[in-house]
Amino acid sequence: MNKKDSRIRRARKTRARIKLIGANRLCVYKTPRHIYAQIIAPDSSGVVASASTLDKEFRSQGANGGNVSAAVTIGKMIAERAKKAGITQVAFDRSGYKYHGRIKALADSARENGMEF
């Protein structure tokens, strides 16, 4: 089993637990150059809100997408967009990644801006 397969296995277990709870989930995905965040409805019917380093709002700042400061900005953006959609309570789906670095920065930023998880 390689590194990617292990991460996907961890992600599957987490998503199964979140599905039992029946909460909106804040799903995070990262690549070396970008970070993406989505709030997905409990019945997996669709994306309620999303933010990424590819958004025009983020790109206009001229920042790099693959670092901790970008993750902080994306956390703030996703929290603001969730508030507009009427969502404050979510379950955090880190997609099998370790809770440190960019993932932790995004989560902390989202919490500071009104998200609860």
C-alpha atoms as a PDB file:
ATOM      1  CA  MET A   1       0.000   0.000   0.000  1.00  0.00           C
ATOM      2  CA  ASN A   2       1.507   3.319  -1.020  1.00  0.00           C
ATOM      3  CA  LYS A   3       1.110   6.764   0.528  1.00  0.00           C
ATOM      4  CA  LYS A   4      -1.832   7.809  -1.646  1.00  0.00           C
ATOM      5  CA  ASP A   5      -3.777   4.598  -1.020  1.00  0.00           C
ATOM      6  CA  SER A   6      -3.295   4.995   2.737  1.00  0.00           C
ATOM      7  CA  ARG A   7      -4.582   8.575   2.610  1.00  0.00           C
ATOM      8  CA  ILE A   8      -7.639   7.563   0.592  1.00  0.00           C
ATOM      9  CA  ARG A   9      -8.379   4.718   3.051  1.00  0.00           C
ATOM     10  CA  ARG A  10      -8.243   7.168   5.973  1.00  0.00           C
ATOM     11  CA  ALA A  11     -10.480   9.590   4.073  1.00  0.00           C
ATOM     12  CA  ARG A  12     -13.073   6.872   3.403  1.00  0.00           C
ATOM     13  CA  LYS A  13     -13.270   5.989   7.091  1.00  0.00           C
ATOM     14  CA  THR A  14     -13.709   9.635   8.081  1.00  0.00           C
ATOM     15  CA  ARG A  15     -16.404  10.238   5.479  1.00  0.00           C
ATOM     16  CA  ALA A  16     -18.323   7.178   6.638  1.00  0.00           C
ATOM     17  CA  ARG A  17     -18.379   8.539  10.208  1.00  0.00           C
ATOM     18  CA  ILE A  18     -19.453  11.990   9.026  1.00  0.00           C
ATOM     19  CA  LYS A  19     -22.258  10.441   6.967  1.00  0.00           C
ATOM     20  CA  LEU A  20     -23.649   8.775  10.105  1.00  0.00           C
ATOM     21  CA  ILE A  21     -23.719  12.148  11.868  1.00  0.00           C
ATOM     22  CA  GLY A  22     -25.595  13.734   8.966  1.00  0.00           C
ATOM     23  CA  ALA A  23     -23.766  17.080   9.081  1.00  0.00           C
ATOM     24  CA  ASN A  24     -22.524  19.406   6.378  1.00  0.00           C
ATOM     25  CA  ARG A  25     -18.866  18.648   5.794  1.00  0.00           C
ATOM     26  CA  LEU A  26     -15.981  20.972   5.134  1.00  0.00           C
ATOM     27  CA  CYS A  27     -13.881  18.945   2.713  1.00  0.00           C
ATOM     28  CA  VAL A  28     -10.281  20.017   2.061  1.00  0.00           C
ATOM     29  CA  TYR A  29      -8.044  18.921  -0.801  1.00  0.00           C
ATOM     30  CA  LYS A  30      -4.504  20.073  -1.431  1.00  0.00           C
ATOM     31  CA  THR A  31      -1.851  19.852  -4.090  1.00  0.00           C
ATOM     32  CA  PRO A  32       1.660  21.256  -3.873  1.00  0.00           C
ATOM     33  CA  ARG A  33       0.541  24.430  -5.695  1.00  0.00           C
ATOM     34  CA  HIS A  34      -3.078  24.896  -4.575  1.00  0.00           C
ATOM     35  CA  ILE A  35      -5.588  24.233  -1.794  1.00  0.00           C
ATOM     36  CA  TYR A  36      -9.325  23.720  -2.204  1.00  0.00           C
ATOM     37  CA  ALA A  37     -12.180  23.764   0.326  1.00  0.00           C
ATOM     38  CA  GLN A  38     -15.820  22.805  -0.202  1.00  0.00           C
ATOM     39  CA  ILE A  39     -18.847  22.588   2.038  1.00  0.00           C
ATOM     40  CA  ILE A  40     -20.869  19.585   0.917  1.00  0.00           C
ATOM     41  CA  ALA A  41     -24.511  18.969   1.866  1.00  0.00           C
ATOM     42  CA  PRO A  42     -25.247  16.073   4.273  1.00  0.00           C
ATOM     43  CA  ASP A  43     -26.987  13.990   1.632  1.00  0.00           C
ATOM     44  CA  SER A  44     -24.067  14.580  -0.786  1.00  0.00           C
ATOM     45  CA  SER A  45     -26.494  16.301  -3.137  1.00  0.00           C
ATOM     46  CA  GLY A  46     -24.061  19.061  -3.984  1.00  0.00           C
ATOM     47  CA  VAL A  47     -21.609  21.723  -3.012  1.00  0.00           C
ATOM     48  CA  VAL A  48     -23.089  24.498  -0.873  1.00  0.00           C
ATOM     49  CA  ALA A  49     -20.006  26.755  -0.838  1.00  0.00           C
ATOM     50  CA  SER A  50     -16.458  26.533  -2.123  1.00  0.00           C
ATOM     51  CA  ALA A  51     -13.179  28.426  -2.140  1.00  0.00           C
ATOM     52  CA  SER A  52      -9.789  27.721  -3.648  1.00  0.00           C
ATOM     53  CA  THR A  53      -6.547  29.350  -4.588  1.00  0.00           C
ATOM     54  CA  LEU A  54      -7.792  29.358  -8.186  1.00  0.00           C
ATOM     55  CA  ASP A  55     -10.650  31.799  -7.430  1.00  0.00           C
ATOM     56  CA  LYS A  56     -10.415  35.230  -9.026  1.00  0.00           C
ATOM     57  CA  GLU A  57     -10.822  36.832  -5.603  1.00  0.00           C
ATOM     58  CA  PHE A  58      -7.694  35.039  -4.359  1.00  0.00           C
ATOM     59  CA  ARG A  59      -5.716  35.471  -7.590  1.00  0.00           C
ATOM     60  CA  SER A  60      -6.266  39.244  -7.557  1.00  0.00           C
ATOM     61  CA  GLN A  61      -4.152  39.417  -4.375  1.00  0.00           C
ATOM     62  CA  GLY A  62      -1.164  38.060  -6.306  1.00  0.00           C
ATOM     63  CA  ALA A  63      -0.365  35.474  -3.621  1.00  0.00           C
ATOM     64  CA  ASN A  64       1.160  32.020  -3.981  1.00  0.00           C
ATOM     65  CA  GLY A  65      -1.326  29.178  -3.539  1.00  0.00           C
ATOM     66  CA  GLY A  66       0.906  26.528  -1.994  1.00  0.00           C
ATOM     67  CA  ASN A  67       1.731  27.951   1.416  1.00  0.00           C
ATOM     68  CA  VAL A  68       0.237  28.447   4.891  1.00  0.00           C
ATOM     69  CA  SER A  69      -0.766  32.075   4.311  1.00  0.00           C
ATOM     70  CA  ALA A  70      -2.827  30.960   1.304  1.00  0.00           C
ATOM     71  CA  ALA A  71      -4.550  28.349   3.473  1.00  0.00           C
ATOM     72  CA  VAL A  72      -5.410  31.030   6.042  1.00  0.00           C
ATOM     73  CA  THR A  73      -6.968  33.159   3.300  1.00  0.00           C
ATOM     74  CA  ILE A  74      -8.968  30.222   1.922  1.00  0.00           C
ATOM     75  CA  GLY A  75     -10.207  29.384   5.439  1.00  0.00           C
ATOM     76  CA  LYS A  76     -11.485  32.934   5.804  1.00  0.00           C
ATOM     77  CA  MET A  77     -13.115  32.867   2.358  1.00  0.00           C
ATOM     78  CA  ILE A  78     -14.904  29.553   2.954  1.00  0.00           C
ATOM     79  CA  ALA A  79     -16.202  30.756   6.336  1.00  0.00           C
ATOM     80  CA  GLU A  80     -17.616  33.937   4.783  1.00  0.00           C
ATOM     81  CA  ARG A  81     -19.261  32.028   1.928  1.00  0.00           C
ATOM     82  CA  ALA A  82     -20.734  29.505   4.366  1.00  0.00           C
ATOM     83  CA  LYS A  83     -22.267  32.326   6.407  1.00  0.00           C
ATOM     84  CA  LYS A  84     -23.900  33.673   3.247  1.00  0.00           C
ATOM     85  CA  ALA A  85     -25.352  30.214   2.639  1.00  0.00           C
ATOM     86  CA  GLY A  86     -26.611  30.050   6.245  1.00  0.00           C
ATOM     87  CA  ILE A  87     -24.208  27.389   7.490  1.00  0.00           C
ATOM     88  CA  THR A  88     -22.192  27.707  10.690  1.00  0.00           C
ATOM     89  CA  GLN A  89     -21.940  24.076  11.922  1.00  0.00           C
ATOM     90  CA  VAL A  90     -19.868  21.629   9.860  1.00  0.00           C
ATOM     91  CA  ALA A  91     -17.851  18.445  10.262  1.00  0.00           C
ATOM     92  CA  PHE A  92     -14.203  18.779   9.202  1.00  0.00           C
ATOM     93  CA  ASP A  93     -13.157  16.325   6.488  1.00  0.00           C
ATOM     94  CA  ARG A  94      -9.393  16.621   6.097  1.00  0.00           C
ATOM     95  CA  SER A  95      -9.372  13.979   3.313  1.00  0.00           C
ATOM     96  CA  GLY A  96      -6.911  11.745   5.145  1.00  0.00           C
ATOM     97  CA  TYR A  97      -4.207  14.412   5.437  1.00  0.00           C
ATOM     98  CA  LYS A  98      -2.372  14.970   8.719  1.00  0.00           C
ATOM     99  CA  TYR A  99      -3.758  17.814  10.806  1.00  0.00           C
ATOM    100  CA  HIS A 100      -0.771  20.153  10.529  1.00  0.00           C
ATOM    101  CA  GLY A 101       0.624  22.792   8.209  1.00  0.00           C
ATOM    102  CA  ARG A 102      -1.805  24.051   5.585  1.00  0.00           C
ATOM    103  CA  ILE A 103      -4.693  21.870   6.760  1.00  0.00           C
ATOM    104  CA  LYS A 104      -4.405  23.168  10.327  1.00  0.00           C
ATOM    105  CA  ALA A 105      -4.035  26.766   9.141  1.00  0.00           C
ATOM    106  CA  LEU A 106      -7.208  26.503   7.034  1.00  0.00           C
ATOM    107  CA  ALA A 107      -9.181  24.942   9.895  1.00  0.00           C
ATOM    108  CA  ASP A 108      -8.021  27.515  12.451  1.00  0.00           C
ATOM    109  CA  SER A 109      -8.807  30.387  10.087  1.00  0.00           C
ATOM    110  CA  ALA A 110     -12.297  29.031   9.395  1.00  0.00           C
ATOM    111  CA  ARG A 111     -12.941  28.687  13.152  1.00  0.00           C
ATOM    112  CA  GLU A 112     -11.752  32.260  13.800  1.00  0.00           C
ATOM    113  CA  ASN A 113     -14.194  33.523  11.178  1.00  0.00           C
ATOM    114  CA  GLY A 114     -17.300  31.864  12.637  1.00  0.00           C
ATOM    115  CA  MET A 115     -17.330  28.200  11.601  1.00  0.00           C
ATOM    116  CA  GLU A 116     -17.983  25.590  14.287  1.00  0.00           C
ATOM    117  CA  PHE A 117     -16.545  22.068  14.054  1.00  0.00           C
END
